[in-house]
PDB file of all heavy atoms in Angstrom:
ATOM      1  N   ILE A   1      -5.127   3.924  -1.350  1.00  0.00           N
ATOM      2  CA  ILE A   1      -4.952   2.781  -2.251  1.00  0.00           C
ATOM      3  C   ILE A   1      -5.137   1.522  -1.421  1.00  0.00           C
ATOM      4  O   ILE A   1      -4.530   1.362  -0.368  1.00  0.00           O
ATOM      5  CB  ILE A   1      -3.548   2.769  -2.886  1.00  0.00           C
ATOM      6  CG1 ILE A   1      -3.351   3.994  -3.778  1.00  0.00           C
ATOM      7  CG2 ILE A   1      -3.329   1.478  -3.683  1.00  0.00           C
ATOM      8  CD1 ILE A   1      -1.949   4.133  -4.330  1.00  0.00           C
ATOM      9  N   THR A   2      -5.982   0.634  -1.903  1.00  0.00           N
ATOM     10  CA  THR A   2      -6.167  -0.668  -1.276  1.00  0.00           C
ATOM     11  C   THR A   2      -5.901  -1.714  -2.346  1.00  0.00           C
ATOM     12  O   THR A   2      -6.479  -1.643  -3.428  1.00  0.00           O
ATOM     13  CB  THR A   2      -7.596  -0.824  -0.733  1.00  0.00           C
ATOM     14  OG1 THR A   2      -7.850   0.215   0.208  1.00  0.00           O
ATOM     15  CG2 THR A   2      -7.790  -2.174  -0.066  1.00  0.00           C
ATOM     16  N   SER A   3      -5.019  -2.644  -2.066  1.00  0.00           N
ATOM     17  CA  SER A   3      -4.644  -3.616  -3.081  1.00  0.00           C
ATOM     18  C   SER A   3      -4.185  -4.915  -2.434  1.00  0.00           C
ATOM     19  O   SER A   3      -3.588  -4.894  -1.362  1.00  0.00           O
ATOM     20  CB  SER A   3      -3.509  -3.036  -3.935  1.00  0.00           C
ATOM     21  OG  SER A   3      -3.219  -3.859  -5.019  1.00  0.00           O
ATOM     22  N   GLN A   4      -4.477  -6.035  -3.090  1.00  0.00           N
ATOM     23  CA  GLN A   4      -3.938  -7.314  -2.644  1.00  0.00           C
ATOM     24  C   GLN A   4      -2.625  -7.529  -3.385  1.00  0.00           C
ATOM     25  O   GLN A   4      -2.585  -7.456  -4.614  1.00  0.00           O
ATOM     26  CB  GLN A   4      -4.913  -8.445  -2.946  1.00  0.00           C
ATOM     27  CG  GLN A   4      -6.164  -8.390  -2.111  1.00  0.00           C
ATOM     28  CD  GLN A   4      -7.067  -9.578  -2.359  1.00  0.00           C
ATOM     29  OE1 GLN A   4      -6.786 -10.448  -3.173  1.00  0.00           O
ATOM     30  NE2 GLN A   4      -8.169  -9.620  -1.627  1.00  0.00           N
ATOM     31  N   LEU A   5      -1.574  -7.776  -2.632  1.00  0.00           N
ATOM     32  CA  LEU A   5      -0.241  -7.881  -3.212  1.00  0.00           C
ATOM     33  C   LEU A   5       0.421  -9.189  -2.820  1.00  0.00           C
ATOM     34  O   LEU A   5       0.173  -9.732  -1.745  1.00  0.00           O
ATOM     35  CB  LEU A   5       0.632  -6.725  -2.713  1.00  0.00           C
ATOM     36  CG  LEU A   5       0.103  -5.321  -2.963  1.00  0.00           C
ATOM     37  CD1 LEU A   5       0.916  -4.306  -2.166  1.00  0.00           C
ATOM     38  CD2 LEU A   5       0.140  -5.002  -4.443  1.00  0.00           C
ATOM     39  N   SER A   6       1.287  -9.660  -3.681  1.00  0.00           N
ATOM     40  CA  SER A   6       2.133 -10.801  -3.338  1.00  0.00           C
ATOM     41  C   SER A   6       3.272 -10.293  -2.469  1.00  0.00           C
ATOM     42  O   SER A   6       3.559  -9.096  -2.432  1.00  0.00           O
ATOM     43  CB  SER A   6       2.708 -11.424  -4.615  1.00  0.00           C
ATOM     44  OG  SER A   6       1.672 -11.879  -5.457  1.00  0.00           O
ATOM     45  N   ALA A   7       3.928 -11.212  -1.783  1.00  0.00           N
ATOM     46  CA  ALA A   7       5.086 -10.823  -0.973  1.00  0.00           C
ATOM     47  C   ALA A   7       6.114 -10.167  -1.875  1.00  0.00           C
ATOM     48  O   ALA A   7       6.302 -10.565  -3.028  1.00  0.00           O
ATOM     49  CB  ALA A   7       5.678 -12.050  -0.296  1.00  0.00           C
ATOM     50  N   GLY A   8       6.774  -9.136  -1.382  1.00  0.00           N
ATOM     51  CA  GLY A   8       7.777  -8.460  -2.183  1.00  0.00           C
ATOM     52  C   GLY A   8       8.079  -7.078  -1.654  1.00  0.00           C
ATOM     53  O   GLY A   8       7.652  -6.703  -0.564  1.00  0.00           O
ATOM     54  N   THR A   9       8.788  -6.300  -2.447  1.00  0.00           N
ATOM     55  CA  THR A   9       9.167  -4.939  -2.104  1.00  0.00           C
ATOM     56  C   THR A   9       8.322  -3.970  -2.923  1.00  0.00           C
ATOM     57  O   THR A   9       8.206  -4.140  -4.144  1.00  0.00           O
ATOM     58  CB  THR A   9      10.657  -4.697  -2.405  1.00  0.00           C
ATOM     59  OG1 THR A   9      11.434  -5.620  -1.630  1.00  0.00           O
ATOM     60  CG2 THR A   9      11.072  -3.267  -2.074  1.00  0.00           C
ATOM     61  N   TYR A  10       7.752  -2.992  -2.249  1.00  0.00           N
ATOM     62  CA  TYR A  10       6.911  -1.989  -2.904  1.00  0.00           C
ATOM     63  C   TYR A  10       7.311  -0.612  -2.409  1.00  0.00           C
ATOM     64  O   TYR A  10       7.865  -0.453  -1.332  1.00  0.00           O
ATOM     65  CB  TYR A  10       5.436  -2.253  -2.596  1.00  0.00           C
ATOM     66  CG  TYR A  10       4.978  -3.589  -3.122  1.00  0.00           C
ATOM     67  CD1 TYR A  10       5.040  -4.728  -2.317  1.00  0.00           C
ATOM     68  CD2 TYR A  10       4.514  -3.716  -4.422  1.00  0.00           C
ATOM     69  CE1 TYR A  10       4.645  -5.962  -2.809  1.00  0.00           C
ATOM     70  CE2 TYR A  10       4.114  -4.944  -4.917  1.00  0.00           C
ATOM     71  CZ  TYR A  10       4.178  -6.071  -4.108  1.00  0.00           C
ATOM     72  OH  TYR A  10       3.801  -7.288  -4.597  1.00  0.00           O
ATOM     73  N   TYR A  11       7.010   0.390  -3.212  1.00  0.00           N
ATOM     74  CA  TYR A  11       7.322   1.773  -2.875  1.00  0.00           C
ATOM     75  C   TYR A  11       6.058   2.616  -2.994  1.00  0.00           C
ATOM     76  O   TYR A  11       5.182   2.316  -3.807  1.00  0.00           O
ATOM     77  CB  TYR A  11       8.392   2.331  -3.812  1.00  0.00           C
ATOM     78  CG  TYR A  11       9.668   1.529  -3.792  1.00  0.00           C
ATOM     79  CD1 TYR A  11       9.899   0.530  -4.720  1.00  0.00           C
ATOM     80  CD2 TYR A  11      10.627   1.759  -2.810  1.00  0.00           C
ATOM     81  CE1 TYR A  11      11.063  -0.224  -4.689  1.00  0.00           C
ATOM     82  CE2 TYR A  11      11.787   1.016  -2.769  1.00  0.00           C
ATOM     83  CZ  TYR A  11      12.001   0.020  -3.718  1.00  0.00           C
ATOM     84  OH  TYR A  11      13.150  -0.717  -3.665  1.00  0.00           O
ATOM     85  N   ILE A  12       5.988   3.675  -2.200  1.00  0.00           N
ATOM     86  CA  ILE A  12       4.887   4.625  -2.271  1.00  0.00           C
ATOM     87  C   ILE A  12       5.463   5.962  -2.696  1.00  0.00           C
ATOM     88  O   ILE A  12       6.443   6.436  -2.119  1.00  0.00           O
ATOM     89  CB  ILE A  12       4.183   4.755  -0.913  1.00  0.00           C
ATOM     90  CG1 ILE A  12       3.598   3.410  -0.516  1.00  0.00           C
ATOM     91  CG2 ILE A  12       3.110   5.841  -0.970  1.00  0.00           C
ATOM     92  CD1 ILE A  12       3.105   3.347   0.895  1.00  0.00           C
ATOM     93  N   ARG A  13       4.860   6.541  -3.708  1.00  0.00           N
ATOM     94  CA  ARG A  13       5.302   7.839  -4.214  1.00  0.00           C
ATOM     95  C   ARG A  13       4.187   8.848  -3.963  1.00  0.00           C
ATOM     96  O   ARG A  13       3.051   8.645  -4.383  1.00  0.00           O
ATOM     97  CB  ARG A  13       5.586   7.756  -5.700  1.00  0.00           C
ATOM     98  CG  ARG A  13       5.979   9.090  -6.304  1.00  0.00           C
ATOM     99  CD  ARG A  13       6.271   8.953  -7.788  1.00  0.00           C
ATOM    100  NE  ARG A  13       6.554  10.267  -8.345  1.00  0.00           N
ATOM    101  CZ  ARG A  13       6.033  10.712  -9.472  1.00  0.00           C
ATOM    102  NH1 ARG A  13       5.224   9.960 -10.171  1.00  0.00           N
ATOM    103  NH2 ARG A  13       6.327  11.921  -9.898  1.00  0.00           N
ATOM    104  N   VAL A  14       4.506   9.919  -3.256  1.00  0.00           N
ATOM    105  CA  VAL A  14       3.581  11.028  -3.046  1.00  0.00           C
ATOM    106  C   VAL A  14       4.125  12.193  -3.856  1.00  0.00           C
ATOM    107  O   VAL A  14       5.292  12.552  -3.715  1.00  0.00           O
ATOM    108  CB  VAL A  14       3.481  11.414  -1.552  1.00  0.00           C
ATOM    109  CG1 VAL A  14       2.540  12.594  -1.363  1.00  0.00           C
ATOM    110  CG2 VAL A  14       3.037  10.217  -0.717  1.00  0.00           C
ATOM    111  N   TYR A  15       3.303  12.750  -4.717  1.00  0.00           N
ATOM    112  CA  TYR A  15       3.780  13.852  -5.544  1.00  0.00           C
ATOM    113  C   TYR A  15       2.728  14.946  -5.635  1.00  0.00           C
ATOM    114  O   TYR A  15       1.532  14.669  -5.585  1.00  0.00           O
ATOM    115  CB  TYR A  15       4.200  13.358  -6.929  1.00  0.00           C
ATOM    116  CG  TYR A  15       3.091  12.683  -7.704  1.00  0.00           C
ATOM    117  CD1 TYR A  15       2.376  13.380  -8.671  1.00  0.00           C
ATOM    118  CD2 TYR A  15       2.754  11.362  -7.474  1.00  0.00           C
ATOM    119  CE1 TYR A  15       1.357  12.770  -9.371  1.00  0.00           C
ATOM    120  CE2 TYR A  15       1.739  10.746  -8.171  1.00  0.00           C
ATOM    121  CZ  TYR A  15       1.045  11.454  -9.122  1.00  0.00           C
ATOM    122  OH  TYR A  15       0.031  10.842  -9.809  1.00  0.00           O
ATOM    123  N   PRO A  16       3.160  16.202  -5.743  1.00  0.00           N
ATOM    124  CA  PRO A  16       2.223  17.320  -5.743  1.00  0.00           C
ATOM    125  C   PRO A  16       1.408  17.375  -7.026  1.00  0.00           C
ATOM    126  O   PRO A  16       1.921  17.081  -8.106  1.00  0.00           O
ATOM    127  CB  PRO A  16       3.118  18.545  -5.619  1.00  0.00           C
ATOM    128  CG  PRO A  16       4.424  18.117  -6.190  1.00  0.00           C
ATOM    129  CD  PRO A  16       4.541  16.647  -5.870  1.00  0.00           C
ATOM    130  N   TYR A  17       0.140  17.715  -6.871  1.00  0.00           N
ATOM    131  CA  TYR A  17      -0.703  17.985  -8.026  1.00  0.00           C
ATOM    132  C   TYR A  17      -0.606  19.471  -8.356  1.00  0.00           C
ATOM    133  O   TYR A  17      -0.413  19.844  -9.492  1.00  0.00           O
ATOM    134  CB  TYR A  17      -2.145  17.576  -7.748  1.00  0.00           C
ATOM    135  CG  TYR A  17      -3.072  17.859  -8.892  1.00  0.00           C
ATOM    136  CD1 TYR A  17      -3.031  17.065 -10.034  1.00  0.00           C
ATOM    137  CD2 TYR A  17      -3.967  18.912  -8.858  1.00  0.00           C
ATOM    138  CE1 TYR A  17      -3.855  17.325 -11.111  1.00  0.00           C
ATOM    139  CE2 TYR A  17      -4.800  19.178  -9.924  1.00  0.00           C
ATOM    140  CZ  TYR A  17      -4.747  18.381 -11.051  1.00  0.00           C
ATOM    141  OH  TYR A  17      -5.558  18.637 -12.104  1.00  0.00           O
ATOM    142  N   THR A  18      -0.734  20.280  -7.325  1.00  0.00           N
ATOM    143  CA  THR A  18      -0.536  21.724  -7.472  1.00  0.00           C
ATOM    144  C   THR A  18       0.154  22.237  -6.223  1.00  0.00           C
ATOM    145  O   THR A  18      -0.168  21.841  -5.116  1.00  0.00           O
ATOM    146  CB  THR A  18      -1.879  22.480  -7.609  1.00  0.00           C
ATOM    147  OG1 THR A  18      -2.689  22.190  -6.481  1.00  0.00           O
ATOM    148  CG2 THR A  18      -2.610  22.096  -8.871  1.00  0.00           C
ATOM    149  N   GLY A  19       1.128  23.105  -6.378  1.00  0.00           N
ATOM    150  CA  GLY A  19       1.787  23.729  -5.245  1.00  0.00           C
ATOM    151  C   GLY A  19       2.536  22.747  -4.371  1.00  0.00           C
ATOM    152  O   GLY A  19       2.727  21.588  -4.708  1.00  0.00           O
ATOM    153  N   ASP A  20       2.956  23.254  -3.224  1.00  0.00           N
ATOM    154  CA  ASP A  20       3.640  22.444  -2.224  1.00  0.00           C
ATOM    155  C   ASP A  20       2.670  22.196  -1.080  1.00  0.00           C
ATOM    156  O   ASP A  20       1.834  23.040  -0.769  1.00  0.00           O
ATOM    157  CB  ASP A  20       4.873  23.171  -1.679  1.00  0.00           C
ATOM    158  CG  ASP A  20       5.956  23.320  -2.737  1.00  0.00           C
ATOM    159  OD1 ASP A  20       6.043  22.442  -3.615  1.00  0.00           O
ATOM    160  OD2 ASP A  20       6.699  24.302  -2.678  1.00  0.00           O
ATOM    161  N   THR A  21       2.792  21.059  -0.439  1.00  0.00           N
ATOM    162  CA  THR A  21       1.927  20.767   0.698  1.00  0.00           C
ATOM    163  C   THR A  21       2.613  19.821   1.659  1.00  0.00           C
ATOM    164  O   THR A  21       3.432  18.998   1.263  1.00  0.00           O
ATOM    165  CB  THR A  21       0.585  20.163   0.229  1.00  0.00           C
ATOM    166  OG1 THR A  21      -0.298  20.054   1.333  1.00  0.00           O
ATOM    167  CG2 THR A  21       0.766  18.779  -0.382  1.00  0.00           C
ATOM    168  N   ASN A  22       2.286  19.959   2.923  1.00  0.00           N
ATOM    169  CA  ASN A  22       2.692  18.978   3.927  1.00  0.00           C
ATOM    170  C   ASN A  22       1.649  17.876   3.921  1.00  0.00           C
ATOM    171  O   ASN A  22       0.487  18.106   3.591  1.00  0.00           O
ATOM    172  CB  ASN A  22       2.759  19.620   5.313  1.00  0.00           C
ATOM    173  CG  ASN A  22       3.845  20.660   5.402  1.00  0.00           C
ATOM    174  OD1 ASN A  22       4.905  20.518   4.808  1.00  0.00           O
ATOM    175  ND2 ASN A  22       3.586  21.723   6.145  1.00  0.00           N
ATOM    176  N   TYR A  23       2.035  16.679   4.298  1.00  0.00           N
ATOM    177  CA  TYR A  23       1.082  15.576   4.342  1.00  0.00           C
ATOM    178  C   TYR A  23       1.502  14.578   5.404  1.00  0.00           C
ATOM    179  O   TYR A  23       2.655  14.532   5.821  1.00  0.00           O
ATOM    180  CB  TYR A  23       0.971  14.876   2.980  1.00  0.00           C
ATOM    181  CG  TYR A  23       2.271  14.276   2.486  1.00  0.00           C
ATOM    182  CD1 TYR A  23       2.637  12.978   2.839  1.00  0.00           C
ATOM    183  CD2 TYR A  23       3.136  15.003   1.678  1.00  0.00           C
ATOM    184  CE1 TYR A  23       3.825  12.436   2.409  1.00  0.00           C
ATOM    185  CE2 TYR A  23       4.329  14.466   1.231  1.00  0.00           C
ATOM    186  CZ  TYR A  23       4.661  13.179   1.597  1.00  0.00           C
ATOM    187  OH  TYR A  23       5.839  12.633   1.162  1.00  0.00           O
ATOM    188  N   ASN A  24       0.538  13.785   5.837  1.00  0.00           N
ATOM    189  CA  ASN A  24       0.788  12.661   6.739  1.00  0.00           C
ATOM    190  C   ASN A  24       0.575  11.394   5.933  1.00  0.00           C
ATOM    191  O   ASN A  24      -0.408  11.279   5.204  1.00  0.00           O
ATOM    192  CB  ASN A  24      -0.183  12.678   7.926  1.00  0.00           C
ATOM    193  CG  ASN A  24       0.052  13.855   8.828  1.00  0.00           C
ATOM    194  OD1 ASN A  24       1.192  14.191   9.131  1.00  0.00           O
ATOM    195  ND2 ASN A  24      -1.012  14.506   9.245  1.00  0.00           N
ATOM    196  N   LEU A  25       1.485  10.452   6.069  1.00  0.00           N
ATOM    197  CA  LEU A  25       1.410   9.199   5.339  1.00  0.00           C
ATOM    198  C   LEU A  25       1.245   8.058   6.330  1.00  0.00           C
ATOM    199  O   LEU A  25       2.039   7.927   7.262  1.00  0.00           O
ATOM    200  CB  LEU A  25       2.689   8.997   4.513  1.00  0.00           C
ATOM    201  CG  LEU A  25       2.788   7.713   3.702  1.00  0.00           C
ATOM    202  CD1 LEU A  25       1.714   7.696   2.624  1.00  0.00           C
ATOM    203  CD2 LEU A  25       4.169   7.591   3.086  1.00  0.00           C
ATOM    204  N   ALA A  26       0.220   7.262   6.129  1.00  0.00           N
ATOM    205  CA  ALA A  26      -0.008   6.083   6.965  1.00  0.00           C
ATOM    206  C   ALA A  26      -0.057   4.865   6.041  1.00  0.00           C
ATOM    207  O   ALA A  26      -0.747   4.884   5.019  1.00  0.00           O
ATOM    208  CB  ALA A  26      -1.304   6.208   7.742  1.00  0.00           C
ATOM    209  N   VAL A  27       0.685   3.832   6.391  1.00  0.00           N
ATOM    210  CA  VAL A  27       0.741   2.613   5.595  1.00  0.00           C
ATOM    211  C   VAL A  27       0.474   1.435   6.509  1.00  0.00           C
ATOM    212  O   VAL A  27       0.993   1.374   7.630  1.00  0.00           O
ATOM    213  CB  VAL A  27       2.135   2.449   4.939  1.00  0.00           C
ATOM    214  CG1 VAL A  27       2.208   1.164   4.148  1.00  0.00           C
ATOM    215  CG2 VAL A  27       2.461   3.648   4.072  1.00  0.00           C
ATOM    216  N   SER A  28      -0.343   0.501   6.050  1.00  0.00           N
ATOM    217  CA  SER A  28      -0.568  -0.703   6.841  1.00  0.00           C
ATOM    218  C   SER A  28      -0.596  -1.913   5.920  1.00  0.00           C
ATOM    219  O   SER A  28      -0.905  -1.795   4.734  1.00  0.00           O
ATOM    220  CB  SER A  28      -1.876  -0.605   7.631  1.00  0.00           C
ATOM    221  OG  SER A  28      -2.974  -0.539   6.747  1.00  0.00           O
ATOM    222  N   ALA A  29      -0.248  -3.047   6.476  1.00  0.00           N
ATOM    223  CA  ALA A  29      -0.257  -4.293   5.722  1.00  0.00           C
ATOM    224  C   ALA A  29      -0.655  -5.426   6.659  1.00  0.00           C
ATOM    225  O   ALA A  29      -0.351  -5.400   7.845  1.00  0.00           O
ATOM    226  CB  ALA A  29       1.124  -4.573   5.142  1.00  0.00           C
ATOM    227  N   THR A  30      -1.357  -6.357   6.110  1.00  0.00           N
ATOM    228  CA  THR A  30      -1.724  -7.552   6.866  1.00  0.00           C
ATOM    229  C   THR A  30      -1.389  -8.769   6.016  1.00  0.00           C
ATOM    230  O   THR A  30      -1.331  -8.687   4.791  1.00  0.00           O
ATOM    231  CB  THR A  30      -3.225  -7.583   7.215  1.00  0.00           C
ATOM    232  OG1 THR A  30      -3.986  -7.537   6.003  1.00  0.00           O
ATOM    233  CG2 THR A  30      -3.606  -6.428   8.084  1.00  0.00           C
ATOM    234  N   THR A  31      -1.153  -9.881   6.666  1.00  0.00           N
ATOM    235  CA  THR A  31      -0.915 -11.115   5.941  1.00  0.00           C
ATOM    236  C   THR A  31      -2.189 -11.948   5.968  1.00  0.00           C
ATOM    237  O   THR A  31      -2.966 -11.890   6.935  1.00  0.00           O
ATOM    238  CB  THR A  31       0.241 -11.914   6.558  1.00  0.00           C
ATOM    239  OG1 THR A  31      -0.061 -12.193   7.915  1.00  0.00           O
ATOM    240  CG2 THR A  31       1.544 -11.146   6.468  1.00  0.00           C
ATOM    241  N   ALA A  32      -2.377 -12.694   4.937  1.00  0.00           N
ATOM    242  CA  ALA A  32      -3.561 -13.543   4.857  1.00  0.00           C
ATOM    243  C   ALA A  32      -3.109 -14.995   4.710  1.00  0.00           C
ATOM    244  O   ALA A  32      -2.175 -15.296   3.965  1.00  0.00           O
ATOM    245  CB  ALA A  32      -4.422 -13.146   3.663  1.00  0.00           C
ATOM    246  N   THR A  33      -3.763 -15.861   5.418  1.00  0.00           N
ATOM    247  CA  THR A  33      -3.499 -17.278   5.288  1.00  0.00           C
ATOM    248  C   THR A  33      -4.574 -17.865   4.380  1.00  0.00           C
ATOM    249  O   THR A  33      -5.767 -17.733   4.664  1.00  0.00           O
ATOM    250  CB  THR A  33      -3.533 -17.986   6.653  1.00  0.00           C
ATOM    251  OG1 THR A  33      -2.559 -17.368   7.493  1.00  0.00           O
ATOM    252  CG2 THR A  33      -3.243 -19.467   6.509  1.00  0.00           C
ATOM    253  N   VAL A  34      -4.159 -18.441   3.292  1.00  0.00           N
ATOM    254  CA  VAL A  34      -5.096 -19.006   2.332  1.00  0.00           C
ATOM    255  C   VAL A  34      -5.136 -20.508   2.541  1.00  0.00           C
ATOM    256  O   VAL A  34      -4.117 -21.186   2.485  1.00  0.00           O
ATOM    257  CB  VAL A  34      -4.668 -18.679   0.892  1.00  0.00           C
ATOM    258  CG1 VAL A  34      -5.619 -19.307  -0.098  1.00  0.00           C
ATOM    259  CG2 VAL A  34      -4.592 -17.173   0.697  1.00  0.00           C
ATOM    260  N   THR A  35      -6.323 -21.010   2.804  1.00  0.00           N
ATOM    261  CA  THR A  35      -6.519 -22.452   2.959  1.00  0.00           C
ATOM    262  C   THR A  35      -7.096 -22.970   1.667  1.00  0.00           C
ATOM    263  O   THR A  35      -8.187 -22.560   1.263  1.00  0.00           O
ATOM    264  CB  THR A  35      -7.473 -22.751   4.124  1.00  0.00           C
ATOM    265  OG1 THR A  35      -6.953 -22.145   5.308  1.00  0.00           O
ATOM    266  CG2 THR A  35      -7.627 -24.237   4.331  1.00  0.00           C
ATOM    267  N   PRO A  36      -6.378 -23.845   0.982  1.00  0.00           N
ATOM    268  CA  PRO A  36      -6.892 -24.360  -0.296  1.00  0.00           C
ATOM    269  C   PRO A  36      -8.223 -25.074  -0.093  1.00  0.00           C
ATOM    270  O   PRO A  36      -8.417 -25.819   0.864  1.00  0.00           O
ATOM    271  CB  PRO A  36      -5.823 -25.341  -0.754  1.00  0.00           C
ATOM    272  CG  PRO A  36      -4.610 -25.042   0.049  1.00  0.00           C
ATOM    273  CD  PRO A  36      -5.095 -24.421   1.330  1.00  0.00           C
ATOM    274  N   GLY A  37      -9.158 -24.824  -0.972  1.00  0.00           N
ATOM    275  CA  GLY A  37     -10.455 -25.496  -0.924  1.00  0.00           C
ATOM    276  C   GLY A  37     -10.408 -26.775  -1.733  1.00  0.00           C
ATOM    277  O   GLY A  37      -9.389 -27.118  -2.322  1.00  0.00           O
ATOM    278  N   TYR A  38     -11.506 -27.456  -1.767  1.00  0.00           N
ATOM    279  CA  TYR A  38     -11.561 -28.685  -2.564  1.00  0.00           C
ATOM    280  C   TYR A  38     -12.933 -28.767  -3.213  1.00  0.00           C
ATOM    281  O   TYR A  38     -13.896 -28.155  -2.757  1.00  0.00           O
ATOM    282  CB  TYR A  38     -11.291 -29.925  -1.701  1.00  0.00           C
ATOM    283  CG  TYR A  38     -12.330 -30.165  -0.645  1.00  0.00           C
ATOM    284  CD1 TYR A  38     -13.437 -31.000  -0.920  1.00  0.00           C
ATOM    285  CD2 TYR A  38     -12.248 -29.572   0.603  1.00  0.00           C
ATOM    286  CE1 TYR A  38     -14.401 -31.201   0.062  1.00  0.00           C
ATOM    287  CE2 TYR A  38     -13.201 -29.773   1.569  1.00  0.00           C
ATOM    288  CZ  TYR A  38     -14.283 -30.600   1.281  1.00  0.00           C
ATOM    289  OH  TYR A  38     -15.247 -30.814   2.233  1.00  0.00           O
TER     290      TYR A  38
END
């Protein structure tokens, strides 16, 4: 999932489609500085 988000609290839900499985979860976030244009 790639999404632009406002500052806040978010959760990630991983759920099985079929059966049980082990998984690795990697999450990253970056901040962006927005310079108003004219």
